[in-house]
Amino acid sequence: MTKIPDIQIDNFDIISSDTFKGGAAFHVVALSKKNIQTMLIFQQMILDSLKNDEKSFFLEKSENYLTTHFNKGSKAVGVVSGNKLLGQALITQPTDADPETGMTDMVNLPAPQTVSVIQGVGVHPSTRGLKIGDKLINAWLEIAANDKRENALAETDQNNKYSWKLFVKNGVDIVSEGVDPDDGTKLYNHHKVLKI
């Protein structure tokens, strides 16, 4: 198993802290431009851990993509325990000036300034069962509500049952289906209206 990359927690904005059922402390943290190299290492670890027929479930983001993501004012969150990154996710915050949501095939999208989209949710394989995915989704929903983004959107590969069930379990329901025009992947579009 590939080692989880170390992260110095004192370099991060801690969003919340809690303990796992086993008693280990964890933090939900804001990741930023200064964390791009660690995020790239983590994403490669995720890809390396997937079976060949699962690799399409996780779309790799380039260094340039991540730099542009942060430069546009979008965000990222991580879950850290013992100075190790256990999970990460990108949060896209479109604007009128830059309305790109990242949603591939969803019709009737809400106005960009009302939308928050989670992408690239990745959880280290050794942490299965710790509900890291739930913690990332809940952090995203809280950030979206705090940023007055009333429409939380996500898309999942229909073959990735773990992923789409995770969103549904957290109240981000499937509202439509789509197809990725680049590779023909059948997608579920998820939407939750937030109280802001």
C-alpha atoms as a PDB file:
ATOM      1  CA  MET A   1       0.000   0.000   0.000  1.00  0.00           C
ATOM      2  CA  THR A   2       1.304   3.437  -0.903  1.00  0.00           C
ATOM      3  CA  LYS A   3       2.086   5.688   2.049  1.00  0.00           C
ATOM      4  CA  ILE A   4      -0.326   8.517   2.816  1.00  0.00           C
ATOM      5  CA  PRO A   5       1.445  11.825   2.126  1.00  0.00           C
ATOM      6  CA  ASP A   6       2.306  13.821   5.226  1.00  0.00           C
ATOM      7  CA  ILE A   7       0.767  17.258   5.715  1.00  0.00           C
ATOM      8  CA  GLN A   8       1.776  19.750   8.370  1.00  0.00           C
ATOM      9  CA  ILE A   9      -1.578  20.709   9.897  1.00  0.00           C
ATOM     10  CA  ASP A  10      -0.345  24.030  11.304  1.00  0.00           C
ATOM     11  CA  ASN A  11      -0.193  25.346   7.712  1.00  0.00           C
ATOM     12  CA  PHE A  12      -3.915  24.967   7.214  1.00  0.00           C
ATOM     13  CA  ASP A  13      -7.105  26.757   8.056  1.00  0.00           C
ATOM     14  CA  ILE A  14      -8.942  24.271  10.254  1.00  0.00           C
ATOM     15  CA  ILE A  15     -12.648  24.279   9.465  1.00  0.00           C
ATOM     16  CA  SER A  16     -13.651  21.788  12.159  1.00  0.00           C
ATOM     17  CA  SER A  17     -12.192  19.128  14.445  1.00  0.00           C
ATOM     18  CA  ASP A  18     -13.591  15.917  15.889  1.00  0.00           C
ATOM     19  CA  THR A  19     -12.602  12.347  16.693  1.00  0.00           C
ATOM     20  CA  PHE A  20     -13.191   9.091  14.854  1.00  0.00           C
ATOM     21  CA  LYS A  21     -15.058   6.307  16.672  1.00  0.00           C
ATOM     22  CA  GLY A  22     -11.698   4.782  17.570  1.00  0.00           C
ATOM     23  CA  GLY A  23     -10.655   7.988  19.323  1.00  0.00           C
ATOM     24  CA  ALA A  24      -8.142   9.412  16.819  1.00  0.00           C
ATOM     25  CA  ALA A  25      -8.503  13.151  16.234  1.00  0.00           C
ATOM     26  CA  PHE A  26      -9.126  14.528  12.765  1.00  0.00           C
ATOM     27  CA  HIS A  27      -9.523  17.958  11.207  1.00  0.00           C
ATOM     28  CA  VAL A  28     -11.471  19.128   8.195  1.00  0.00           C
ATOM     29  CA  VAL A  29      -9.161  21.697   6.599  1.00  0.00           C
ATOM     30  CA  ALA A  30      -9.206  24.219   3.788  1.00  0.00           C
ATOM     31  CA  LEU A  31      -6.655  23.287   1.131  1.00  0.00           C
ATOM     32  CA  SER A  32      -5.166  26.067  -0.987  1.00  0.00           C
ATOM     33  CA  LYS A  33      -2.779  26.832  -3.815  1.00  0.00           C
ATOM     34  CA  LYS A  34       0.194  26.099  -1.557  1.00  0.00           C
ATOM     35  CA  ASN A  35      -1.051  22.496  -1.214  1.00  0.00           C
ATOM     36  CA  ILE A  36      -1.223  21.682  -4.932  1.00  0.00           C
ATOM     37  CA  GLN A  37       1.823  19.390  -4.956  1.00  0.00           C
ATOM     38  CA  THR A  38       0.444  17.351  -2.044  1.00  0.00           C
ATOM     39  CA  MET A  39      -2.965  17.211  -3.738  1.00  0.00           C
ATOM     40  CA  LEU A  40      -1.341  15.904  -6.944  1.00  0.00           C
ATOM     41  CA  ILE A  41       0.533  13.211  -5.003  1.00  0.00           C
ATOM     42  CA  PHE A  42      -2.679  12.231  -3.222  1.00  0.00           C
ATOM     43  CA  GLN A  43      -4.676  12.055  -6.444  1.00  0.00           C
ATOM     44  CA  GLN A  44      -1.992   9.839  -8.045  1.00  0.00           C
ATOM     45  CA  MET A  45      -2.183   7.547  -5.013  1.00  0.00           C
ATOM     46  CA  ILE A  46      -5.950   7.275  -5.518  1.00  0.00           C
ATOM     47  CA  LEU A  47      -5.517   6.441  -9.210  1.00  0.00           C
ATOM     48  CA  ASP A  48      -2.824   3.867  -8.447  1.00  0.00           C
ATOM     49  CA  SER A  49      -5.109   2.131  -5.956  1.00  0.00           C
ATOM     50  CA  LEU A  50      -8.032   1.740  -8.370  1.00  0.00           C
ATOM     51  CA  LYS A  51      -8.611  -1.351 -10.479  1.00  0.00           C
ATOM     52  CA  ASN A  52      -8.387  -0.791 -14.233  1.00  0.00           C
ATOM     53  CA  ASP A  53     -12.180  -0.861 -14.639  1.00  0.00           C
ATOM     54  CA  GLU A  54     -12.526   1.753 -11.852  1.00  0.00           C
ATOM     55  CA  LYS A  55      -9.966   4.302 -13.091  1.00  0.00           C
ATOM     56  CA  SER A  56     -12.662   6.247 -14.971  1.00  0.00           C
ATOM     57  CA  PHE A  57     -14.395   6.912 -11.627  1.00  0.00           C
ATOM     58  CA  PHE A  58     -11.735   9.477 -10.682  1.00  0.00           C
ATOM     59  CA  LEU A  59     -10.828  12.234 -13.142  1.00  0.00           C
ATOM     60  CA  GLU A  60      -7.245  13.371 -12.729  1.00  0.00           C
ATOM     61  CA  LYS A  61      -6.696  17.138 -12.442  1.00  0.00           C
ATOM     62  CA  SER A  62      -3.489  18.695 -13.741  1.00  0.00           C
ATOM     63  CA  GLU A  63      -1.327  21.170 -11.849  1.00  0.00           C
ATOM     64  CA  ASN A  64      -2.517  23.859 -14.263  1.00  0.00           C
ATOM     65  CA  TYR A  65      -6.154  22.932 -13.617  1.00  0.00           C
ATOM     66  CA  LEU A  66      -5.678  23.167  -9.845  1.00  0.00           C
ATOM     67  CA  THR A  67      -3.797  26.486 -10.112  1.00  0.00           C
ATOM     68  CA  THR A  68      -6.585  27.945 -12.269  1.00  0.00           C
ATOM     69  CA  HIS A  69      -9.183  26.512  -9.866  1.00  0.00           C
ATOM     70  CA  PHE A  70      -7.703  28.403  -6.920  1.00  0.00           C
ATOM     71  CA  ASN A  71      -6.958  31.544  -8.948  1.00  0.00           C
ATOM     72  CA  LYS A  72     -10.671  31.777  -9.821  1.00  0.00           C
ATOM     73  CA  GLY A  73     -11.569  31.812  -6.118  1.00  0.00           C
ATOM     74  CA  SER A  74     -12.737  28.213  -5.943  1.00  0.00           C
ATOM     75  CA  LYS A  75     -11.870  26.074  -2.938  1.00  0.00           C
ATOM     76  CA  ALA A  76     -10.788  22.641  -1.725  1.00  0.00           C
ATOM     77  CA  VAL A  77     -11.201  20.711   1.498  1.00  0.00           C
ATOM     78  CA  GLY A  78      -9.298  17.856   3.066  1.00  0.00           C
ATOM     79  CA  VAL A  79      -9.533  15.554   6.037  1.00  0.00           C
ATOM     80  CA  VAL A  80      -6.299  15.303   8.025  1.00  0.00           C
ATOM     81  CA  SER A  81      -5.390  13.059  10.958  1.00  0.00           C
ATOM     82  CA  GLY A  82      -1.978  12.622  12.512  1.00  0.00           C
ATOM     83  CA  ASN A  83      -0.584  15.099   9.961  1.00  0.00           C
ATOM     84  CA  LYS A  84      -1.686  12.815   7.106  1.00  0.00           C
ATOM     85  CA  LEU A  85      -4.129  13.599   4.322  1.00  0.00           C
ATOM     86  CA  LEU A  86      -6.977  11.051   4.345  1.00  0.00           C
ATOM     87  CA  GLY A  87      -9.274  12.648   1.763  1.00  0.00           C
ATOM     88  CA  GLN A  88      -9.674  15.667  -0.475  1.00  0.00           C
ATOM     89  CA  ALA A  89     -12.287  17.343  -2.670  1.00  0.00           C
ATOM     90  CA  LEU A  90     -12.476  20.383  -4.929  1.00  0.00           C
ATOM     91  CA  ILE A  91     -15.282  22.931  -4.591  1.00  0.00           C
ATOM     92  CA  THR A  92     -16.070  24.958  -7.704  1.00  0.00           C
ATOM     93  CA  GLN A  93     -17.740  28.330  -7.090  1.00  0.00           C
ATOM     94  CA  PRO A  94     -18.849  29.732 -10.478  1.00  0.00           C
ATOM     95  CA  THR A  95     -19.527  33.428 -11.004  1.00  0.00           C
ATOM     96  CA  ASP A  96     -21.259  35.480 -13.667  1.00  0.00           C
ATOM     97  CA  ALA A  97     -17.825  36.398 -15.025  1.00  0.00           C
ATOM     98  CA  ASP A  98     -16.643  32.751 -14.979  1.00  0.00           C
ATOM     99  CA  PRO A  99     -19.814  30.618 -15.122  1.00  0.00           C
ATOM    100  CA  GLU A 100     -18.133  27.237 -15.769  1.00  0.00           C
ATOM    101  CA  THR A 101     -19.553  24.682 -13.309  1.00  0.00           C
ATOM    102  CA  GLY A 102     -17.801  21.530 -14.437  1.00  0.00           C
ATOM    103  CA  MET A 103     -21.170  19.796 -14.780  1.00  0.00           C
ATOM    104  CA  THR A 104     -20.863  17.820 -18.020  1.00  0.00           C
ATOM    105  CA  ASP A 105     -24.444  17.185 -19.114  1.00  0.00           C
ATOM    106  CA  MET A 106     -27.006  18.819 -16.826  1.00  0.00           C
ATOM    107  CA  VAL A 107     -29.782  20.876 -18.371  1.00  0.00           C
ATOM    108  CA  ASN A 108     -31.388  23.909 -16.758  1.00  0.00           C
ATOM    109  CA  LEU A 109     -28.464  24.758 -14.515  1.00  0.00           C
ATOM    110  CA  PRO A 110     -29.229  27.386 -11.860  1.00  0.00           C
ATOM    111  CA  ALA A 111     -27.612  30.837 -12.109  1.00  0.00           C
ATOM    112  CA  PRO A 112     -23.821  30.498 -11.655  1.00  0.00           C
ATOM    113  CA  GLN A 113     -23.562  32.693  -8.555  1.00  0.00           C
ATOM    114  CA  THR A 114     -26.039  30.369  -6.751  1.00  0.00           C
ATOM    115  CA  VAL A 115     -24.104  27.169  -7.487  1.00  0.00           C
ATOM    116  CA  SER A 116     -21.438  25.181  -5.638  1.00  0.00           C
ATOM    117  CA  VAL A 117     -20.074  22.012  -7.263  1.00  0.00           C
ATOM    118  CA  ILE A 118     -17.989  19.323  -5.582  1.00  0.00           C
ATOM    119  CA  GLN A 119     -15.468  17.484  -7.756  1.00  0.00           C
ATOM    120  CA  GLY A 120     -12.555  15.106  -7.407  1.00  0.00           C
ATOM    121  CA  VAL A 121     -13.666  13.540  -4.136  1.00  0.00           C
ATOM    122  CA  GLY A 122     -10.892  11.148  -3.184  1.00  0.00           C
ATOM    123  CA  VAL A 123     -10.475   8.984  -0.091  1.00  0.00           C
ATOM    124  CA  HIS A 124      -7.371   7.001   0.778  1.00  0.00           C
ATOM    125  CA  PRO A 125      -8.170   3.265   0.491  1.00  0.00           C
ATOM    126  CA  SER A 126      -6.755   2.481   3.950  1.00  0.00           C
ATOM    127  CA  THR A 127      -9.394   4.730   5.554  1.00  0.00           C
ATOM    128  CA  ARG A 128     -12.498   2.981   4.225  1.00  0.00           C
ATOM    129  CA  GLY A 129     -15.105   2.804   6.972  1.00  0.00           C
ATOM    130  CA  LEU A 130     -14.044   6.064   8.647  1.00  0.00           C
ATOM    131  CA  LYS A 131     -16.715   7.999   6.681  1.00  0.00           C
ATOM    132  CA  ILE A 132     -14.168  10.374   5.148  1.00  0.00           C
ATOM    133  CA  GLY A 133     -16.426  10.851   2.103  1.00  0.00           C
ATOM    134  CA  ASP A 134     -19.300  11.896   4.381  1.00  0.00           C
ATOM    135  CA  LYS A 135     -17.036  14.396   6.140  1.00  0.00           C
ATOM    136  CA  LEU A 136     -15.925  15.915   2.814  1.00  0.00           C
ATOM    137  CA  ILE A 137     -19.497  16.215   1.505  1.00  0.00           C
ATOM    138  CA  ASN A 138     -20.756  17.735   4.760  1.00  0.00           C
ATOM    139  CA  ALA A 139     -17.883  20.249   4.788  1.00  0.00           C
ATOM    140  CA  TRP A 140     -18.736  21.196   1.175  1.00  0.00           C
ATOM    141  CA  LEU A 141     -22.424  21.677   1.994  1.00  0.00           C
ATOM    142  CA  GLU A 142     -21.536  23.867   4.972  1.00  0.00           C
ATOM    143  CA  ILE A 143     -19.108  25.959   2.913  1.00  0.00           C
ATOM    144  CA  ALA A 144     -21.680  26.328   0.119  1.00  0.00           C
ATOM    145  CA  ALA A 145     -24.354  27.510   2.576  1.00  0.00           C
ATOM    146  CA  ASN A 146     -21.933  29.927   4.275  1.00  0.00           C
ATOM    147  CA  ASP A 147     -21.031  31.323   0.833  1.00  0.00           C
ATOM    148  CA  LYS A 148     -24.756  31.819   0.064  1.00  0.00           C
ATOM    149  CA  ARG A 149     -24.660  29.149  -2.654  1.00  0.00           C
ATOM    150  CA  GLU A 150     -28.129  27.630  -2.456  1.00  0.00           C
ATOM    151  CA  ASN A 151     -27.646  24.992  -5.194  1.00  0.00           C
ATOM    152  CA  ALA A 152     -25.219  22.185  -4.366  1.00  0.00           C
ATOM    153  CA  LEU A 153     -24.425  20.121  -7.479  1.00  0.00           C
ATOM    154  CA  ALA A 154     -22.366  17.020  -8.205  1.00  0.00           C
ATOM    155  CA  GLU A 155     -22.081  14.384 -10.890  1.00  0.00           C
ATOM    156  CA  THR A 156     -21.167  10.728 -10.512  1.00  0.00           C
ATOM    157  CA  ASP A 157     -20.462   7.816 -12.823  1.00  0.00           C
ATOM    158  CA  GLN A 158     -23.532   5.560 -12.805  1.00  0.00           C
ATOM    159  CA  ASN A 159     -21.252   2.519 -12.437  1.00  0.00           C
ATOM    160  CA  ASN A 160     -19.664   3.949  -9.271  1.00  0.00           C
ATOM    161  CA  LYS A 161     -22.357   2.832  -6.835  1.00  0.00           C
ATOM    162  CA  TYR A 162     -20.273   3.777  -3.793  1.00  0.00           C
ATOM    163  CA  SER A 163     -20.011   7.377  -4.990  1.00  0.00           C
ATOM    164  CA  TRP A 164     -23.598   8.043  -6.022  1.00  0.00           C
ATOM    165  CA  LYS A 165     -24.971   6.260  -2.934  1.00  0.00           C
ATOM    166  CA  LEU A 166     -22.710   8.442  -0.754  1.00  0.00           C
ATOM    167  CA  PHE A 167     -24.224  11.617  -2.213  1.00  0.00           C
ATOM    168  CA  VAL A 168     -27.784  10.325  -1.908  1.00  0.00           C
ATOM    169  CA  LYS A 169     -27.137   9.264   1.705  1.00  0.00           C
ATOM    170  CA  ASN A 170     -26.044  12.856   2.418  1.00  0.00           C
ATOM    171  CA  GLY A 171     -29.190  14.366   0.863  1.00  0.00           C
ATOM    172  CA  VAL A 172     -27.679  15.320  -2.511  1.00  0.00           C
ATOM    173  CA  ASP A 173     -30.266  13.483  -4.585  1.00  0.00           C
ATOM    174  CA  ILE A 174     -30.086  12.225  -8.153  1.00  0.00           C
ATOM    175  CA  VAL A 175     -32.213  14.593 -10.240  1.00  0.00           C
ATOM    176  CA  SER A 176     -31.287  13.591 -13.790  1.00  0.00           C
ATOM    177  CA  GLU A 177     -29.014  11.523 -15.973  1.00  0.00           C
ATOM    178  CA  GLY A 178     -26.428  12.666 -18.478  1.00  0.00           C
ATOM    179  CA  VAL A 179     -23.638  11.433 -20.708  1.00  0.00           C
ATOM    180  CA  ASP A 180     -20.058  12.665 -20.793  1.00  0.00           C
ATOM    181  CA  PRO A 181     -19.541  13.668 -24.451  1.00  0.00           C
ATOM    182  CA  ASP A 182     -15.781  12.994 -24.212  1.00  0.00           C
ATOM    183  CA  ASP A 183     -15.966   9.304 -23.309  1.00  0.00           C
ATOM    184  CA  GLY A 184     -19.649   8.295 -23.262  1.00  0.00           C
ATOM    185  CA  THR A 185     -19.732   7.681 -19.499  1.00  0.00           C
ATOM    186  CA  LYS A 186     -23.300   7.573 -18.187  1.00  0.00           C
ATOM    187  CA  LEU A 187     -23.650  10.083 -15.357  1.00  0.00           C
ATOM    188  CA  TYR A 188     -26.009  10.900 -12.526  1.00  0.00           C
ATOM    189  CA  ASN A 189     -26.570  14.578 -11.785  1.00  0.00           C
ATOM    190  CA  HIS A 190     -27.094  15.378  -8.109  1.00  0.00           C
ATOM    191  CA  HIS A 191     -28.703  18.487  -6.637  1.00  0.00           C
ATOM    192  CA  LYS A 192     -29.529  19.713  -3.159  1.00  0.00           C
ATOM    193  CA  VAL A 193     -31.191  23.038  -2.448  1.00  0.00           C
ATOM    194  CA  LEU A 194     -29.559  24.527   0.659  1.00  0.00           C
ATOM    195  CA  LYS A 195     -31.170  26.742   3.268  1.00  0.00           C
ATOM    196  CA  ILE A 196     -29.055  29.875   3.389  1.00  0.00           C
END
